[in-house]
PDB file of all heavy atoms in Angstrom:
ATOM      1  N   VAL A   1      78.465 109.304  45.340  1.00  0.00           N
ATOM      2  CA  VAL A   1      79.243 109.477  46.567  1.00  0.00           C
ATOM      3  C   VAL A   1      80.716 109.381  46.222  1.00  0.00           C
ATOM      4  O   VAL A   1      81.125 108.515  45.444  1.00  0.00           O
ATOM      5  CB  VAL A   1      78.880 108.403  47.618  1.00  0.00           C
ATOM      6  CG1 VAL A   1      79.671 108.642  48.900  1.00  0.00           C
ATOM      7  CG2 VAL A   1      77.390 108.390  47.909  1.00  0.00           C
ATOM      8  N   VAL A   2      81.528 110.280  46.780  1.00  0.00           N
ATOM      9  CA  VAL A   2      82.974 110.228  46.574  1.00  0.00           C
ATOM     10  C   VAL A   2      83.648 110.109  47.933  1.00  0.00           C
ATOM     11  O   VAL A   2      83.181 110.674  48.932  1.00  0.00           O
ATOM     12  CB  VAL A   2      83.492 111.478  45.832  1.00  0.00           C
ATOM     13  CG1 VAL A   2      82.957 111.527  44.425  1.00  0.00           C
ATOM     14  CG2 VAL A   2      83.128 112.755  46.575  1.00  0.00           C
ATOM     15  N   LYS A   3      84.730 109.349  47.974  1.00  0.00           N
ATOM     16  CA  LYS A   3      85.504 109.166  49.197  1.00  0.00           C
ATOM     17  C   LYS A   3      86.670 110.155  49.196  1.00  0.00           C
ATOM     18  O   LYS A   3      87.424 110.237  48.225  1.00  0.00           O
ATOM     19  CB  LYS A   3      86.046 107.742  49.268  1.00  0.00           C
ATOM     20  CG  LYS A   3      84.981 106.656  49.193  1.00  0.00           C
ATOM     21  CD  LYS A   3      84.166 106.574  50.472  1.00  0.00           C
ATOM     22  CE  LYS A   3      83.193 105.386  50.425  1.00  0.00           C
ATOM     23  NZ  LYS A   3      82.408 105.284  51.678  1.00  0.00           N
ATOM     24  N   CYS A   4      86.809 110.882  50.275  1.00  0.00           N
ATOM     25  CA  CYS A   4      87.851 111.905  50.348  1.00  0.00           C
ATOM     26  C   CYS A   4      88.638 111.730  51.643  1.00  0.00           C
ATOM     27  O   CYS A   4      88.040 111.606  52.729  1.00  0.00           O
ATOM     28  CB  CYS A   4      87.234 113.300  50.285  1.00  0.00           C
ATOM     29  SG  CYS A   4      88.435 114.643  50.326  1.00  0.00           S
ATOM     30  N   GLU A   5      89.957 111.728  51.543  1.00  0.00           N
ATOM     31  CA  GLU A   5      90.822 111.618  52.719  1.00  0.00           C
ATOM     32  C   GLU A   5      91.946 112.645  52.687  1.00  0.00           C
ATOM     33  O   GLU A   5      93.038 112.412  53.191  1.00  0.00           O
ATOM     34  CB  GLU A   5      91.392 110.196  52.820  1.00  0.00           C
ATOM     35  CG  GLU A   5      92.084 109.717  51.554  1.00  0.00           C
ATOM     36  CD  GLU A   5      92.592 108.290  51.688  1.00  0.00           C
ATOM     37  OE1 GLU A   5      92.709 107.812  52.840  1.00  0.00           O
ATOM     38  OE2 GLU A   5      92.877 107.664  50.649  1.00  0.00           O
ATOM     39  N   LEU A   6      91.691 113.769  52.045  1.00  0.00           N
ATOM     40  CA  LEU A   6      92.709 114.814  51.950  1.00  0.00           C
ATOM     41  C   LEU A   6      92.743 115.652  53.224  1.00  0.00           C
ATOM     42  O   LEU A   6      91.704 115.883  53.846  1.00  0.00           O
ATOM     43  CB  LEU A   6      92.404 115.717  50.751  1.00  0.00           C
ATOM     44  CG  LEU A   6      92.405 115.054  49.367  1.00  0.00           C
ATOM     45  CD1 LEU A   6      91.890 116.025  48.319  1.00  0.00           C
ATOM     46  CD2 LEU A   6      93.821 114.600  49.009  1.00  0.00           C
ATOM     47  N   PRO A   7      93.912 116.119  53.636  1.00  0.00           N
ATOM     48  CA  PRO A   7      93.982 117.044  54.780  1.00  0.00           C
ATOM     49  C   PRO A   7      93.213 118.330  54.428  1.00  0.00           C
ATOM     50  O   PRO A   7      93.229 118.749  53.263  1.00  0.00           O
ATOM     51  CB  PRO A   7      95.475 117.328  54.927  1.00  0.00           C
ATOM     52  CG  PRO A   7      96.153 116.201  54.209  1.00  0.00           C
ATOM     53  CD  PRO A   7      95.231 115.788  53.109  1.00  0.00           C
ATOM     54  N   PRO A   8      92.494 118.931  55.340  1.00  0.00           N
ATOM     55  CA  PRO A   8      92.448 118.656  56.782  1.00  0.00           C
ATOM     56  C   PRO A   8      91.334 117.701  57.209  1.00  0.00           C
ATOM     57  O   PRO A   8      90.916 117.754  58.383  1.00  0.00           O
ATOM     58  CB  PRO A   8      92.185 120.052  57.354  1.00  0.00           C
ATOM     59  CG  PRO A   8      91.300 120.689  56.317  1.00  0.00           C
ATOM     60  CD  PRO A   8      91.791 120.171  54.990  1.00  0.00           C
ATOM     61  N   CYS A   9      90.820 116.853  56.340  1.00  0.00           N
ATOM     62  CA  CYS A   9      89.791 115.895  56.731  1.00  0.00           C
ATOM     63  C   CYS A   9      90.371 114.941  57.784  1.00  0.00           C
ATOM     64  O   CYS A   9      91.488 114.437  57.617  1.00  0.00           O
ATOM     65  CB  CYS A   9      89.297 115.121  55.521  1.00  0.00           C
ATOM     66  SG  CYS A   9      88.516 116.164  54.259  1.00  0.00           S
ATOM     67  N   PRO A  10      89.639 114.658  58.867  1.00  0.00           N
ATOM     68  CA  PRO A  10      90.183 113.833  59.958  1.00  0.00           C
ATOM     69  C   PRO A  10      90.371 112.374  59.567  1.00  0.00           C
ATOM     70  O   PRO A  10      91.203 111.675  60.126  1.00  0.00           O
ATOM     71  CB  PRO A  10      89.136 113.982  61.067  1.00  0.00           C
ATOM     72  CG  PRO A  10      87.867 114.310  60.341  1.00  0.00           C
ATOM     73  CD  PRO A  10      88.278 115.130  59.158  1.00  0.00           C
ATOM     74  N   ASN A  11      89.590 111.885  58.600  1.00  0.00           N
ATOM     75  CA  ASN A  11      89.676 110.497  58.145  1.00  0.00           C
ATOM     76  C   ASN A  11      89.027 110.409  56.770  1.00  0.00           C
ATOM     77  O   ASN A  11      88.770 111.442  56.133  1.00  0.00           O
ATOM     78  CB  ASN A  11      88.996 109.546  59.151  1.00  0.00           C
ATOM     79  CG  ASN A  11      87.623 110.072  59.570  1.00  0.00           C
ATOM     80  OD1 ASN A  11      86.840 110.495  58.731  1.00  0.00           O
ATOM     81  ND2 ASN A  11      87.363 110.071  60.871  1.00  0.00           N
ATOM     82  N   VAL A  12      88.741 109.207  56.312  1.00  0.00           N
ATOM     83  CA  VAL A  12      88.049 109.052  55.032  1.00  0.00           C
ATOM     84  C   VAL A  12      86.601 109.461  55.221  1.00  0.00           C
ATOM     85  O   VAL A  12      85.874 108.864  56.040  1.00  0.00           O
ATOM     86  CB  VAL A  12      88.137 107.600  54.523  1.00  0.00           C
ATOM     87  CG1 VAL A  12      87.376 107.459  53.210  1.00  0.00           C
ATOM     88  CG2 VAL A  12      89.587 107.170  54.337  1.00  0.00           C
ATOM     89  N   VAL A  13      86.183 110.474  54.498  1.00  0.00           N
ATOM     90  CA  VAL A  13      84.816 110.980  54.631  1.00  0.00           C
ATOM     91  C   VAL A  13      84.060 110.771  53.325  1.00  0.00           C
ATOM     92  O   VAL A  13      84.651 110.696  52.250  1.00  0.00           O
ATOM     93  CB  VAL A  13      84.812 112.480  55.013  1.00  0.00           C
ATOM     94  CG1 VAL A  13      85.502 112.708  56.334  1.00  0.00           C
ATOM     95  CG2 VAL A  13      85.485 113.308  53.924  1.00  0.00           C
ATOM     96  N   ASP A  14      82.755 110.660  53.444  1.00  0.00           N
ATOM     97  CA  ASP A  14      81.872 110.529  52.285  1.00  0.00           C
ATOM     98  C   ASP A  14      81.355 111.907  51.906  1.00  0.00           C
ATOM     99  O   ASP A  14      80.863 112.654  52.762  1.00  0.00           O
ATOM    100  CB  ASP A  14      80.696 109.607  52.598  1.00  0.00           C
ATOM    101  CG  ASP A  14      81.130 108.169  52.841  1.00  0.00           C
ATOM    102  OD1 ASP A  14      82.164 107.771  52.271  1.00  0.00           O
ATOM    103  OD2 ASP A  14      80.438 107.459  53.591  1.00  0.00           O
ATOM    104  N   CYS A  15      81.451 112.233  50.629  1.00  0.00           N
ATOM    105  CA  CYS A  15      80.938 113.507  50.121  1.00  0.00           C
ATOM    106  C   CYS A  15      79.889 113.217  49.059  1.00  0.00           C
ATOM    107  O   CYS A  15      80.054 112.301  48.241  1.00  0.00           O
ATOM    108  CB  CYS A  15      82.060 114.366  49.538  1.00  0.00           C
ATOM    109  SG  CYS A  15      83.286 114.891  50.769  1.00  0.00           S
ATOM    110  N   PHE A  16      78.839 114.009  49.052  1.00  0.00           N
ATOM    111  CA  PHE A  16      77.690 113.761  48.194  1.00  0.00           C
ATOM    112  C   PHE A  16      77.527 114.917  47.210  1.00  0.00           C
ATOM    113  O   PHE A  16      77.515 116.076  47.596  1.00  0.00           O
ATOM    114  CB  PHE A  16      76.417 113.597  49.033  1.00  0.00           C
ATOM    115  CG  PHE A  16      76.531 112.505  50.066  1.00  0.00           C
ATOM    116  CD1 PHE A  16      77.023 112.790  51.340  1.00  0.00           C
ATOM    117  CD2 PHE A  16      76.182 111.211  49.754  1.00  0.00           C
ATOM    118  CE1 PHE A  16      77.151 111.790  52.292  1.00  0.00           C
ATOM    119  CE2 PHE A  16      76.292 110.198  50.703  1.00  0.00           C
ATOM    120  CZ  PHE A  16      76.780 110.488  51.970  1.00  0.00           C
ATOM    121  N   ILE A  17      77.395 114.557  45.925  1.00  0.00           N
ATOM    122  CA  ILE A  17      77.275 115.534  44.849  1.00  0.00           C
ATOM    123  C   ILE A  17      75.798 115.866  44.633  1.00  0.00           C
ATOM    124  O   ILE A  17      74.934 114.978  44.671  1.00  0.00           O
ATOM    125  CB  ILE A  17      77.894 114.981  43.555  1.00  0.00           C
ATOM    126  CG1 ILE A  17      79.388 114.712  43.764  1.00  0.00           C
ATOM    127  CG2 ILE A  17      77.694 115.936  42.387  1.00  0.00           C
ATOM    128  CD1 ILE A  17      80.040 113.996  42.611  1.00  0.00           C
ATOM    129  N   SER A  18      75.523 117.123  44.387  1.00  0.00           N
ATOM    130  CA  SER A  18      74.149 117.553  44.132  1.00  0.00           C
ATOM    131  C   SER A  18      73.678 117.113  42.749  1.00  0.00           C
ATOM    132  O   SER A  18      74.359 117.338  41.754  1.00  0.00           O
ATOM    133  CB  SER A  18      74.065 119.080  44.242  1.00  0.00           C
ATOM    134  OG  SER A  18      72.811 119.554  43.797  1.00  0.00           O
ATOM    135  N   ARG A  19      72.543 116.456  42.683  1.00  0.00           N
ATOM    136  CA  ARG A  19      71.866 116.047  41.434  1.00  0.00           C
ATOM    137  C   ARG A  19      72.822 115.360  40.444  1.00  0.00           C
ATOM    138  O   ARG A  19      72.968 115.800  39.308  1.00  0.00           O
ATOM    139  CB  ARG A  19      71.200 117.248  40.776  1.00  0.00           C
ATOM    140  CG  ARG A  19      70.095 117.846  41.624  1.00  0.00           C
ATOM    141  CD  ARG A  19      69.366 118.953  40.910  1.00  0.00           C
ATOM    142  NE  ARG A  19      70.126 120.180  40.873  1.00  0.00           N
ATOM    143  CZ  ARG A  19      69.645 121.341  40.415  1.00  0.00           C
ATOM    144  NH1 ARG A  19      68.420 121.400  39.934  1.00  0.00           N
ATOM    145  NH2 ARG A  19      70.393 122.417  40.403  1.00  0.00           N
ATOM    146  N   PRO A  20      73.481 114.288  40.842  1.00  0.00           N
ATOM    147  CA  PRO A  20      74.450 113.650  39.937  1.00  0.00           C
ATOM    148  C   PRO A  20      73.818 113.055  38.684  1.00  0.00           C
ATOM    149  O   PRO A  20      74.418 113.105  37.607  1.00  0.00           O
ATOM    150  CB  PRO A  20      75.090 112.567  40.815  1.00  0.00           C
ATOM    151  CG  PRO A  20      74.076 112.275  41.865  1.00  0.00           C
ATOM    152  CD  PRO A  20      73.374 113.573  42.133  1.00  0.00           C
ATOM    153  N   THR A  21      72.618 112.469  38.804  1.00  0.00           N
ATOM    154  CA  THR A  21      71.976 111.849  37.634  1.00  0.00           C
ATOM    155  C   THR A  21      71.652 112.894  36.575  1.00  0.00           C
ATOM    156  O   THR A  21      71.920 112.701  35.376  1.00  0.00           O
ATOM    157  CB  THR A  21      70.692 111.116  38.054  1.00  0.00           C
ATOM    158  OG1 THR A  21      71.013 110.122  39.035  1.00  0.00           O
ATOM    159  CG2 THR A  21      70.046 110.440  36.850  1.00  0.00           C
ATOM    160  N   GLU A  22      71.085 114.019  37.000  1.00  0.00           N
ATOM    161  CA  GLU A  22      70.743 115.092  36.059  1.00  0.00           C
ATOM    162  C   GLU A  22      71.993 115.658  35.398  1.00  0.00           C
ATOM    163  O   GLU A  22      72.014 115.910  34.184  1.00  0.00           O
ATOM    164  CB  GLU A  22      69.984 116.190  36.792  1.00  0.00           C
ATOM    165  CG  GLU A  22      69.415 117.270  35.875  1.00  0.00           C
ATOM    166  CD  GLU A  22      68.582 118.285  36.626  1.00  0.00           C
ATOM    167  OE1 GLU A  22      68.611 118.264  37.878  1.00  0.00           O
ATOM    168  OE2 GLU A  22      67.914 119.098  35.985  1.00  0.00           O
ATOM    169  N   LYS A  23      73.053 115.811  36.182  1.00  0.00           N
ATOM    170  CA  LYS A  23      74.306 116.331  35.628  1.00  0.00           C
ATOM    171  C   LYS A  23      74.919 115.342  34.645  1.00  0.00           C
ATOM    172  O   LYS A  23      75.486 115.748  33.619  1.00  0.00           O
ATOM    173  CB  LYS A  23      75.283 116.647  36.759  1.00  0.00           C
ATOM    174  CG  LYS A  23      74.864 117.851  37.592  1.00  0.00           C
ATOM    175  CD  LYS A  23      75.819 118.107  38.737  1.00  0.00           C
ATOM    176  CE  LYS A  23      75.397 119.331  39.531  1.00  0.00           C
ATOM    177  NZ  LYS A  23      76.260 119.590  40.695  1.00  0.00           N
ATOM    178  N   ASN A  24      74.816 114.054  34.931  1.00  0.00           N
ATOM    179  CA  ASN A  24      75.343 113.045  34.009  1.00  0.00           C
ATOM    180  C   ASN A  24      74.594 113.062  32.686  1.00  0.00           C
ATOM    181  O   ASN A  24      75.191 112.898  31.621  1.00  0.00           O
ATOM    182  CB  ASN A  24      75.258 111.660  34.649  1.00  0.00           C
ATOM    183  CG  ASN A  24      76.336 111.426  35.686  1.00  0.00           C
ATOM    184  OD1 ASN A  24      77.419 111.995  35.608  1.00  0.00           O
ATOM    185  ND2 ASN A  24      76.050 110.592  36.670  1.00  0.00           N
ATOM    186  N   ILE A  25      73.281 113.255  32.752  1.00  0.00           N
ATOM    187  CA  ILE A  25      72.483 113.301  31.519  1.00  0.00           C
ATOM    188  C   ILE A  25      72.919 114.474  30.643  1.00  0.00           C
ATOM    189  O   ILE A  25      73.134 114.324  29.431  1.00  0.00           O
ATOM    190  CB  ILE A  25      70.984 113.399  31.854  1.00  0.00           C
ATOM    191  CG1 ILE A  25      70.502 112.092  32.493  1.00  0.00           C
ATOM    192  CG2 ILE A  25      70.170 113.707  30.594  1.00  0.00           C
ATOM    193  CD1 ILE A  25      69.083 112.146  33.010  1.00  0.00           C
ATOM    194  N   PHE A  26      73.071 115.648  31.242  1.00  0.00           N
ATOM    195  CA  PHE A  26      73.499 116.815  30.465  1.00  0.00           C
ATOM    196  C   PHE A  26      74.929 116.648  29.954  1.00  0.00           C
ATOM    197  O   PHE A  26      75.248 117.078  28.839  1.00  0.00           O
ATOM    198  CB  PHE A  26      73.395 118.084  31.310  1.00  0.00           C
ATOM    199  CG  PHE A  26      72.027 118.678  31.341  1.00  0.00           C
ATOM    200  CD1 PHE A  26      71.260 118.621  32.498  1.00  0.00           C
ATOM    201  CD2 PHE A  26      71.488 119.291  30.221  1.00  0.00           C
ATOM    202  CE1 PHE A  26      69.986 119.167  32.533  1.00  0.00           C
ATOM    203  CE2 PHE A  26      70.219 119.843  30.246  1.00  0.00           C
ATOM    204  CZ  PHE A  26      69.458 119.771  31.408  1.00  0.00           C
ATOM    205  N   THR A  27      75.787 116.026  30.749  1.00  0.00           N
ATOM    206  CA  THR A  27      77.165 115.809  30.308  1.00  0.00           C
ATOM    207  C   THR A  27      77.211 114.911  29.085  1.00  0.00           C
ATOM    208  O   THR A  27      77.907 115.208  28.099  1.00  0.00           O
ATOM    209  CB  THR A  27      77.998 115.199  31.446  1.00  0.00           C
ATOM    210  OG1 THR A  27      78.001 116.085  32.574  1.00  0.00           O
ATOM    211  CG2 THR A  27      79.435 114.969  30.996  1.00  0.00           C
ATOM    212  N   VAL A  28      76.475 113.807  29.127  1.00  0.00           N
ATOM    213  CA  VAL A  28      76.441 112.897  27.981  1.00  0.00           C
ATOM    214  C   VAL A  28      75.861 113.597  26.759  1.00  0.00           C
ATOM    215  O   VAL A  28      76.357 113.440  25.631  1.00  0.00           O
ATOM    216  CB  VAL A  28      75.621 111.632  28.328  1.00  0.00           C
ATOM    217  CG1 VAL A  28      75.395 110.772  27.088  1.00  0.00           C
ATOM    218  CG2 VAL A  28      76.335 110.818  29.394  1.00  0.00           C
ATOM    219  N   PHE A  29      74.822 114.392  26.966  1.00  0.00           N
ATOM    220  CA  PHE A  29      74.206 115.115  25.848  1.00  0.00           C
ATOM    221  C   PHE A  29      75.208 116.066  25.198  1.00  0.00           C
ATOM    222  O   PHE A  29      75.326 116.115  23.968  1.00  0.00           O
ATOM    223  CB  PHE A  29      72.991 115.888  26.350  1.00  0.00           C
ATOM    224  CG  PHE A  29      72.283 116.670  25.285  1.00  0.00           C
ATOM    225  CD1 PHE A  29      71.343 116.076  24.464  1.00  0.00           C
ATOM    226  CD2 PHE A  29      72.577 118.018  25.089  1.00  0.00           C
ATOM    227  CE1 PHE A  29      70.695 116.795  23.478  1.00  0.00           C
ATOM    228  CE2 PHE A  29      71.939 118.748  24.094  1.00  0.00           C
ATOM    229  CZ  PHE A  29      70.997 118.130  23.296  1.00  0.00           C
ATOM    230  N   MET A  30      75.934 116.830  26.017  1.00  0.00           N
ATOM    231  CA  MET A  30      76.906 117.777  25.469  1.00  0.00           C
ATOM    232  C   MET A  30      78.068 117.061  24.797  1.00  0.00           C
ATOM    233  O   MET A  30      78.599 117.534  23.785  1.00  0.00           O
ATOM    234  CB  MET A  30      77.416 118.695  26.583  1.00  0.00           C
ATOM    235  CG  MET A  30      76.349 119.576  27.201  1.00  0.00           C
ATOM    236  SD  MET A  30      75.632 120.788  26.057  1.00  0.00           S
ATOM    237  CE  MET A  30      76.850 122.093  26.128  1.00  0.00           C
ATOM    238  N   VAL A  31      78.475 115.917  25.336  1.00  0.00           N
ATOM    239  CA  VAL A  31      79.559 115.148  24.727  1.00  0.00           C
ATOM    240  C   VAL A  31      79.127 114.621  23.361  1.00  0.00           C
ATOM    241  O   VAL A  31      79.878 114.690  22.378  1.00  0.00           O
ATOM    242  CB  VAL A  31      79.982 113.993  25.653  1.00  0.00           C
ATOM    243  CG1 VAL A  31      80.869 112.994  24.908  1.00  0.00           C
ATOM    244  CG2 VAL A  31      80.724 114.525  26.870  1.00  0.00           C
ATOM    245  N   VAL A  32      77.902 114.090  23.276  1.00  0.00           N
ATOM    246  CA  VAL A  32      77.409 113.548  22.005  1.00  0.00           C
ATOM    247  C   VAL A  32      77.290 114.644  20.954  1.00  0.00           C
ATOM    248  O   VAL A  32      77.703 114.461  19.795  1.00  0.00           O
ATOM    249  CB  VAL A  32      76.051 112.846  22.217  1.00  0.00           C
ATOM    250  CG1 VAL A  32      75.407 112.486  20.880  1.00  0.00           C
ATOM    251  CG2 VAL A  32      76.227 111.587  23.056  1.00  0.00           C
ATOM    252  N   THR A  33      76.747 115.808  21.323  1.00  0.00           N
ATOM    253  CA  THR A  33      76.616 116.901  20.354  1.00  0.00           C
ATOM    254  C   THR A  33      77.986 117.410  19.905  1.00  0.00           C
ATOM    255  O   THR A  33      78.168 117.770  18.740  1.00  0.00           O
ATOM    256  CB  THR A  33      75.807 118.060  20.945  1.00  0.00           C
ATOM    257  OG1 THR A  33      76.364 118.450  22.215  1.00  0.00           O
ATOM    258  CG2 THR A  33      74.355 117.649  21.156  1.00  0.00           C
ATOM    259  N   ALA A  34      78.965 117.431  20.822  1.00  0.00           N
ATOM    260  CA  ALA A  34      80.318 117.831  20.431  1.00  0.00           C
ATOM    261  C   ALA A  34      80.908 116.838  19.429  1.00  0.00           C
ATOM    262  O   ALA A  34      81.565 117.236  18.463  1.00  0.00           O
ATOM    263  CB  ALA A  34      81.213 117.944  21.661  1.00  0.00           C
ATOM    264  N   CYS A  35      80.669 115.548  19.644  1.00  0.00           N
ATOM    265  CA  CYS A  35      81.156 114.529  18.706  1.00  0.00           C
ATOM    266  C   CYS A  35      80.514 114.694  17.333  1.00  0.00           C
ATOM    267  O   CYS A  35      81.185 114.564  16.296  1.00  0.00           O
ATOM    268  CB  CYS A  35      80.880 113.131  19.253  1.00  0.00           C
ATOM    269  SG  CYS A  35      81.847 112.684  20.706  1.00  0.00           S
TER     270      CYS A  35
END
């Protein structure tokens, strides 16, 4: 979950990312292989 309060948002809103755990796994995998 990310908190966003940028215009034109009326107040601090919660935004939800699609499949964050799966994306984190692939990100770590790609980072490790790059290293």
